[in-house]
Amino acid sequence: MATPTPTIVPRGDQDWEVLVPLDALSAWMDGQGLGAGPIENPHLLGGGTQNILLKFERAGRSFVLRRPPKHLRNNSNETMRREARVLKALRGTAVRHPGMIAACGEESVLGVAFYLMEPVDGFTPREEMPVLHANDPAIRREMGFEMVDAIAALAGVDYTKRGLADLGKTAGYLERQVGRWRAQLDSYAEYPGWPGLAGIPGVDKVGAWLTSHRPGSFVPGIIHGDFHFGNVLFDRNSSKLAAMVDWELTTLGDPLVDLGWLLSAWPEDGAETGPVKPWQGFPRRREVIARYAERTDRDVSHADWYEVLACYKLGSILEGTFARACAGRAPKETGDFLHASTLALFERALRKIS
């Protein structure tokens, strides 16, 4: 969602009049009863997302607007509507999330769907570690458990009572995964210069293992879909996780997928470095799994399977940028970096299944 230090962007930059026409936003907010008067101190918030995050004040209240990126994807507006729906449905639950203020699913106001949420005062540990957290291994240990507790709380939400029964198709969810992401990989053949699956050792082996070792059943729930240290905000004065952010991949399915996603970036027991620095103090992998089982009462005996699936899925997604870079449609440096990440993910998966 946001880094704690915003990047102030002059009104003439970033095509502001196109991205967020403030007059139109003000008029819409008038109709929603969200203050009166001018929008003050508008500035973009940085972060890992491609979506636009604009923080501003109006009538003494702070808001964060979230809208799709300048260059829309086919599903960008539907993604915004979906995120807004989920955040609204989570109101009053134990799930840590940004508070929903109001949403506009119509594209006629700003040219895109968007929503307004409460600002979250916190930091993203992948991007910074305050002195308090950097100097205390005990706090970092609790941060690790807070990560687990966050997805455990989400897994415990009764999505039917929250009006989200049609958020995703749960029937055959696990059975669809390998084919879905293998098709994604195969689709990159349209980009000239991409070396193909031969450039990713282990694709067939990992896919076959996932198919033959797939869990026989699961208890459906809400999935965040992209849960890692870059998509959370922690409290600056404690170990508490303040909010999970970037809900664009949320759906219904097997919540253990979120655990697998977290594990796919979690160092093996005894490692001295990890996805955030310093790493010393964070729980061991087995403690992460045990904590999830304790908080959810879900069967974690297939934790390795969910971790391997996360490697397979994320690697398939990241390879897309490399394929586009091979065709000159993305920066070569970025493509090479993400291809290396894809290889590392499949290498991790191969170690797990060997």
Protein backbone atom coordinates (compact mmCIF):
# COMPACT_ATOMS: atom_id res chain seq x y z
CA MET A 1 0.00 0.00 0.00
CA ALA A 2 2.35 2.73 1.21
CA THR A 3 5.73 3.48 2.62
CA PRO A 4 5.65 5.75 5.68
CA THR A 5 7.56 8.50 3.89
CA PRO A 6 5.45 9.78 1.00
CA THR A 7 6.89 10.98 -2.26
CA ILE A 8 5.58 14.46 -2.94
CA VAL A 9 4.77 14.75 -6.62
CA PRO A 10 4.24 18.21 -8.17
CA ARG A 11 0.81 18.72 -9.69
CA GLY A 12 2.29 19.00 -13.17
CA ASP A 13 3.97 15.58 -12.98
CA GLN A 14 2.53 12.11 -13.42
CA ASP A 15 -0.37 13.42 -15.56
CA TRP A 16 -2.26 14.43 -12.44
CA GLU A 17 -5.18 15.89 -14.28
CA VAL A 18 -5.70 12.52 -15.96
CA LEU A 19 -4.91 10.23 -13.05
CA VAL A 20 -6.90 11.99 -10.33
CA PRO A 21 -8.92 15.02 -11.47
CA LEU A 22 -9.36 16.69 -8.09
CA ASP A 23 -12.39 18.77 -9.05
CA ALA A 24 -14.27 15.62 -10.05
CA LEU A 25 -13.14 13.87 -6.88
CA SER A 26 -14.30 16.79 -4.73
CA ALA A 27 -17.72 16.82 -6.38
CA TRP A 28 -18.12 13.08 -5.82
CA MET A 29 -17.07 13.40 -2.18
CA ASP A 30 -19.65 16.17 -1.75
CA GLY A 31 -22.31 13.72 -2.85
CA GLN A 32 -21.01 11.13 -0.38
CA GLY A 33 -21.02 13.59 2.53
CA LEU A 34 -17.26 13.31 2.92
CA GLY A 35 -16.37 16.79 4.10
CA ALA A 36 -16.45 20.05 2.21
CA GLY A 37 -14.02 22.49 0.73
CA PRO A 38 -10.78 21.98 -1.19
CA ILE A 39 -8.62 18.88 -1.28
CA GLU A 40 -5.38 19.78 0.46
CA ASN A 41 -1.83 18.43 0.40
CA PRO A 42 -2.38 15.73 -2.24
CA HIS A 43 0.68 13.53 -2.68
CA LEU A 44 1.42 10.12 -4.10
CA LEU A 45 2.45 7.35 -1.77
CA GLY A 46 5.30 5.12 -2.85
CA GLY A 47 5.46 1.35 -2.58
CA GLY A 48 5.74 -1.83 -4.62
CA THR A 49 2.32 -1.54 -6.22
CA GLN A 50 1.63 -0.37 -9.76
CA ASN A 51 -1.68 1.07 -8.63
CA ILE A 52 -2.00 4.76 -7.78
CA LEU A 53 -2.17 5.71 -4.11
CA LEU A 54 -2.97 9.34 -3.34
CA LYS A 55 -3.04 10.67 0.20
CA PHE A 56 -4.79 13.96 0.88
CA GLU A 57 -6.71 15.93 3.47
CA ARG A 58 -10.16 17.41 3.32
CA ALA A 59 -12.02 19.22 6.08
CA GLY A 60 -9.45 18.11 8.63
CA ARG A 61 -9.65 14.41 7.73
CA SER A 62 -7.03 12.30 5.97
CA PHE A 63 -7.86 9.97 3.11
CA VAL A 64 -5.99 7.55 0.86
CA LEU A 65 -7.38 7.07 -2.65
CA ARG A 66 -6.54 3.89 -4.54
CA ARG A 67 -7.10 3.60 -8.28
CA PRO A 68 -5.65 1.47 -11.10
CA PRO A 69 -2.38 2.36 -12.84
CA LYS A 70 -2.17 4.87 -15.66
CA HIS A 71 -1.92 2.10 -18.24
CA LEU A 72 -4.93 -0.07 -17.49
CA ARG A 73 -4.92 -3.85 -17.74
CA ASN A 74 -8.01 -5.65 -18.96
CA ASN A 75 -9.26 -6.30 -15.44
CA SER A 76 -7.99 -3.18 -13.67
CA ASN A 77 -11.36 -1.65 -12.89
CA GLU A 78 -12.92 -4.93 -11.85
CA THR A 79 -9.95 -5.48 -9.54
CA MET A 80 -10.64 -2.15 -7.83
CA ARG A 81 -14.30 -3.03 -7.37
CA ARG A 82 -13.33 -6.43 -6.00
CA GLU A 83 -10.83 -4.98 -3.51
CA ALA A 84 -13.35 -2.42 -2.28
CA ARG A 85 -15.98 -5.09 -1.83
CA VAL A 86 -13.68 -7.30 0.24
CA LEU A 87 -12.40 -4.47 2.44
CA LYS A 88 -15.97 -3.38 3.13
CA ALA A 89 -16.97 -6.95 3.99
CA LEU A 90 -14.05 -7.32 6.41
CA ARG A 91 -15.17 -4.35 8.50
CA GLY A 92 -15.61 -5.43 12.11
CA THR A 93 -13.60 -8.66 11.78
CA ALA A 94 -10.28 -9.49 13.42
CA VAL A 95 -8.53 -9.16 10.05
CA ARG A 96 -5.98 -6.34 9.96
CA HIS A 97 -6.84 -4.22 6.92
CA PRO A 98 -7.17 -0.56 5.90
CA GLY A 99 -10.57 0.80 6.90
CA MET A 100 -12.91 1.32 3.97
CA ILE A 101 -14.43 4.81 3.73
CA ALA A 102 -16.27 4.82 0.41
CA ALA A 103 -15.99 3.28 -3.05
CA CYS A 104 -16.96 4.31 -6.55
CA GLY A 105 -17.42 1.39 -8.90
CA GLU A 106 -18.53 3.64 -11.73
CA GLU A 107 -15.84 4.75 -14.18
CA SER A 108 -17.55 8.01 -15.08
CA VAL A 109 -16.23 10.04 -12.12
CA LEU A 110 -12.44 9.68 -12.49
CA GLY A 111 -12.37 7.55 -15.61
CA VAL A 112 -11.70 4.45 -13.49
CA ALA A 113 -13.13 2.65 -10.48
CA PHE A 114 -11.57 3.76 -7.19
CA TYR A 115 -12.05 3.77 -3.46
CA LEU A 116 -11.11 5.80 -0.40
CA MET A 117 -9.64 4.19 2.70
CA GLU A 118 -8.28 5.25 6.06
CA PRO A 119 -4.54 5.94 6.16
CA VAL A 120 -2.49 3.37 8.08
CA ASP A 121 0.44 4.65 10.11
CA GLY A 122 3.07 1.98 9.73
CA PHE A 123 6.14 0.74 7.90
CA THR A 124 6.81 -1.98 5.35
CA PRO A 125 9.64 -4.14 6.75
CA ARG A 126 10.94 -5.14 3.34
CA GLU A 127 11.71 -1.49 2.69
CA GLU A 128 12.76 -0.23 6.10
CA MET A 129 13.26 -1.40 9.67
CA PRO A 130 12.98 1.27 12.38
CA VAL A 131 15.59 1.36 15.13
CA LEU A 132 13.24 -0.25 17.67
CA HIS A 133 12.65 -3.27 15.45
CA ALA A 134 16.16 -3.45 14.00
CA ASN A 135 17.75 -3.59 17.45
CA ASP A 136 15.54 -6.16 19.16
CA PRO A 137 15.44 -9.82 18.02
CA ALA A 138 12.53 -10.45 20.42
CA ILE A 139 10.40 -7.88 18.62
CA ARG A 140 11.30 -9.42 15.26
CA ARG A 141 10.26 -12.83 16.58
CA GLU A 142 6.84 -11.43 17.47
CA MET A 143 6.64 -9.74 14.05
CA GLY A 144 7.00 -13.16 12.46
CA PHE A 145 4.17 -14.57 14.51
CA GLU A 146 2.07 -11.50 13.72
CA MET A 147 2.45 -12.36 10.03
CA VAL A 148 1.04 -15.81 10.69
CA ASP A 149 -1.76 -14.54 12.91
CA ALA A 150 -2.83 -12.10 10.19
CA ILE A 151 -3.54 -14.80 7.60
CA ALA A 152 -4.96 -17.09 10.28
CA ALA A 153 -7.55 -14.43 11.12
CA LEU A 154 -8.43 -14.08 7.45
CA ALA A 155 -8.81 -17.85 7.10
CA GLY A 156 -11.29 -17.79 9.98
CA VAL A 157 -13.72 -15.33 8.40
CA ASP A 158 -17.12 -16.77 7.51
CA TYR A 159 -17.22 -15.50 3.94
CA THR A 160 -20.83 -16.54 3.45
CA LYS A 161 -22.04 -14.41 6.34
CA ARG A 162 -19.95 -11.55 4.97
CA GLY A 163 -21.72 -11.70 1.62
CA LEU A 164 -18.70 -13.02 -0.29
CA ALA A 165 -19.95 -16.47 -1.30
CA ASP A 166 -19.58 -15.56 -4.99
CA LEU A 167 -16.11 -14.03 -4.68
CA GLY A 168 -14.48 -17.10 -6.22
CA LYS A 169 -15.13 -20.66 -7.34
CA THR A 170 -14.09 -23.06 -4.60
CA ALA A 171 -15.07 -26.30 -6.35
CA GLY A 172 -11.98 -27.80 -8.00
CA TYR A 173 -9.79 -24.96 -6.75
CA LEU A 174 -6.70 -27.06 -6.03
CA GLU A 175 -7.18 -29.17 -9.14
CA ARG A 176 -7.08 -26.06 -11.33
CA GLN A 177 -3.84 -24.60 -10.02
CA VAL A 178 -1.15 -26.45 -12.00
CA GLY A 179 -3.00 -26.18 -15.31
CA ARG A 180 -3.78 -22.51 -14.72
CA TRP A 181 -0.18 -21.50 -14.15
CA ARG A 182 1.28 -23.83 -16.77
CA ALA A 183 -1.03 -22.16 -19.28
CA GLN A 184 0.31 -18.82 -18.10
CA LEU A 185 3.85 -19.97 -18.81
CA ASP A 186 2.92 -21.37 -22.21
CA SER A 187 1.30 -18.08 -23.19
CA TYR A 188 4.68 -16.33 -23.13
CA ALA A 189 5.60 -18.11 -26.37
CA GLU A 190 3.99 -15.18 -28.17
CA TYR A 191 6.98 -13.00 -27.22
CA PRO A 192 9.84 -13.24 -29.74
CA GLY A 193 13.18 -14.03 -28.16
CA TRP A 194 11.85 -15.78 -25.07
CA PRO A 195 13.85 -19.02 -24.69
CA GLY A 196 10.78 -20.94 -23.56
CA LEU A 197 10.37 -23.54 -20.86
CA ALA A 198 13.82 -24.93 -21.63
CA GLY A 199 15.16 -21.91 -19.82
CA ILE A 200 13.41 -22.91 -16.58
CA PRO A 201 14.75 -26.25 -15.32
CA GLY A 202 12.23 -28.25 -13.33
CA VAL A 203 8.95 -26.93 -14.74
CA ASP A 204 7.60 -30.33 -15.77
CA LYS A 205 8.95 -32.13 -12.71
CA VAL A 206 7.48 -29.63 -10.24
CA GLY A 207 4.15 -29.60 -12.04
CA ALA A 208 3.95 -33.39 -12.04
CA TRP A 209 4.80 -33.55 -8.33
CA LEU A 210 2.12 -31.00 -7.47
CA THR A 211 -0.46 -33.01 -9.39
CA SER A 212 0.46 -36.35 -7.84
CA HIS A 213 0.75 -35.02 -4.26
CA ARG A 214 -2.23 -32.67 -4.25
CA PRO A 215 -4.20 -32.65 -0.95
CA GLY A 216 -7.47 -34.51 -1.24
CA SER A 217 -9.66 -31.83 0.31
CA PHE A 218 -9.66 -28.42 1.95
CA VAL A 219 -11.87 -26.07 3.93
CA PRO A 220 -12.67 -23.03 1.74
CA GLY A 221 -11.96 -19.50 2.91
CA ILE A 222 -10.80 -16.07 1.83
CA ILE A 223 -7.29 -15.84 0.38
CA HIS A 224 -5.26 -12.64 0.33
CA GLY A 225 -3.33 -14.00 -2.63
CA ASP A 226 -0.09 -12.03 -2.37
CA PHE A 227 0.92 -12.20 1.27
CA HIS A 228 4.54 -11.31 2.01
CA PHE A 229 6.68 -8.76 3.84
CA GLY A 230 6.15 -6.16 1.12
CA ASN A 231 2.38 -6.18 1.54
CA VAL A 232 2.06 -5.54 5.26
CA LEU A 233 2.39 -2.48 7.46
CA PHE A 234 3.72 -2.81 11.02
CA ASP A 235 3.18 -0.47 13.93
CA ARG A 236 6.18 1.78 14.53
CA ASN A 237 6.04 1.44 18.31
CA SER A 238 5.52 -2.29 18.73
CA SER A 239 5.68 -5.66 17.00
CA LYS A 240 2.02 -5.46 15.95
CA LEU A 241 1.00 -5.87 12.33
CA ALA A 242 -1.21 -2.88 11.54
CA ALA A 243 -2.65 -3.92 8.19
CA MET A 244 -2.41 -6.28 5.25
CA VAL A 245 -2.47 -4.26 2.04
CA ASP A 246 -2.65 -4.75 -1.75
CA TRP A 247 -5.72 -6.99 -1.93
CA GLU A 248 -5.88 -7.20 -5.73
CA LEU A 249 -5.43 -11.00 -5.86
CA THR A 250 -7.94 -11.81 -3.14
CA THR A 251 -10.38 -14.64 -3.89
CA LEU A 252 -12.01 -17.71 -2.38
CA GLY A 253 -10.11 -20.96 -2.27
CA ASP A 254 -7.82 -22.78 0.13
CA PRO A 255 -6.42 -20.34 2.75
CA LEU A 256 -3.36 -22.57 3.16
CA VAL A 257 -2.24 -21.00 -0.11
CA ASP A 258 -1.44 -17.85 1.88
CA LEU A 259 0.69 -19.89 4.27
CA GLY A 260 2.51 -21.43 1.31
CA TRP A 261 3.10 -18.00 -0.19
CA LEU A 262 4.63 -16.83 3.08
CA LEU A 263 6.77 -19.96 3.39
CA SER A 264 8.08 -19.63 -0.18
CA ALA A 265 10.06 -16.57 0.91
CA TRP A 266 10.85 -17.80 4.43
CA PRO A 267 14.47 -18.91 4.97
CA GLU A 268 15.16 -22.47 5.97
CA ASP A 269 15.79 -23.01 9.67
CA GLY A 270 19.16 -21.67 10.73
CA ALA A 271 19.51 -19.10 7.95
CA GLU A 272 21.10 -15.81 8.96
CA THR A 273 19.54 -13.68 6.24
CA GLY A 274 16.00 -13.39 4.95
CA PRO A 275 13.52 -11.18 3.09
CA VAL A 276 13.98 -8.39 5.66
CA LYS A 277 17.09 -7.25 7.43
CA PRO A 278 18.14 -7.96 10.09
CA TRP A 279 16.62 -11.44 10.06
CA GLN A 280 17.96 -12.85 13.34
CA GLY A 281 15.11 -13.42 15.78
CA PHE A 282 12.35 -14.28 13.33
CA PRO A 283 10.69 -17.65 14.04
CA ARG A 284 11.96 -20.77 12.36
CA ARG A 285 9.96 -22.21 9.51
CA ARG A 286 8.59 -25.06 11.62
CA GLU A 287 7.43 -22.54 14.23
CA VAL A 288 5.58 -20.61 11.55
CA ILE A 289 3.74 -23.74 10.47
CA ALA A 290 2.97 -24.73 14.06
CA ARG A 291 1.62 -21.26 14.84
CA TYR A 292 -0.71 -21.40 11.83
CA ALA A 293 -2.01 -24.80 12.91
CA GLU A 294 -2.57 -23.52 16.44
CA ARG A 295 -4.45 -20.43 15.29
CA THR A 296 -6.62 -22.10 12.65
CA ASP A 297 -6.97 -25.80 13.57
CA ARG A 298 -6.30 -26.52 9.88
CA ASP A 299 -4.34 -29.53 8.70
CA VAL A 300 -0.79 -28.34 7.91
CA SER A 301 0.60 -31.76 7.03
CA HIS A 302 0.82 -30.67 3.39
CA ALA A 303 2.67 -27.40 4.11
CA ASP A 304 5.44 -28.37 1.69
CA TRP A 305 2.88 -28.80 -1.11
CA TYR A 306 1.51 -25.29 -0.62
CA GLU A 307 5.02 -23.87 -0.55
CA VAL A 308 5.93 -25.64 -3.78
CA LEU A 309 2.70 -24.41 -5.36
CA ALA A 310 3.59 -20.85 -4.35
CA CYS A 311 7.01 -21.23 -6.00
CA TYR A 312 5.38 -22.59 -9.16
CA LYS A 313 2.76 -19.83 -9.31
CA LEU A 314 5.03 -16.89 -8.47
CA GLY A 315 7.74 -18.11 -10.80
CA SER A 316 5.18 -18.37 -13.60
CA ILE A 317 4.04 -14.81 -12.97
CA LEU A 318 7.53 -13.29 -12.77
CA GLU A 319 8.67 -15.00 -15.95
CA GLY A 320 6.14 -12.91 -17.86
CA THR A 321 8.21 -9.76 -17.40
CA PHE A 322 11.31 -11.57 -18.63
CA ALA A 323 9.41 -12.77 -21.71
CA ARG A 324 8.26 -9.21 -22.44
CA ALA A 325 11.81 -7.96 -21.94
CA CYS A 326 13.07 -10.52 -24.47
CA ALA A 327 10.67 -8.97 -26.97
CA GLY A 328 11.76 -5.43 -26.08
CA ARG A 329 8.51 -4.64 -24.27
CA ALA A 330 10.00 -4.33 -20.77
CA PRO A 331 13.38 -3.16 -19.40
CA LYS A 332 16.05 -5.80 -19.91
CA GLU A 333 17.54 -5.26 -16.44
CA THR A 334 14.15 -5.83 -14.80
CA GLY A 335 13.45 -8.87 -16.94
CA ASP A 336 16.82 -10.44 -16.14
CA PHE A 337 16.34 -9.83 -12.43
CA LEU A 338 12.89 -11.40 -12.37
CA HIS A 339 14.03 -14.35 -14.48
CA ALA A 340 16.72 -15.00 -11.88
CA SER A 341 13.97 -14.91 -9.24
CA THR A 342 11.95 -17.42 -11.26
CA LEU A 343 14.93 -19.77 -11.44
CA ALA A 344 15.50 -19.43 -7.69
CA LEU A 345 11.85 -20.26 -6.98
CA PHE A 346 11.93 -23.39 -9.11
CA GLU A 347 15.23 -24.39 -7.54
CA ARG A 348 13.62 -24.05 -4.13
CA ALA A 349 10.67 -26.15 -5.29
CA LEU A 350 12.98 -28.85 -6.63
CA ARG A 351 14.79 -29.03 -3.29
CA LYS A 352 11.45 -29.47 -1.52
CA ILE A 353 10.34 -32.39 -3.68
CA SER A 354 13.67 -34.20 -3.92
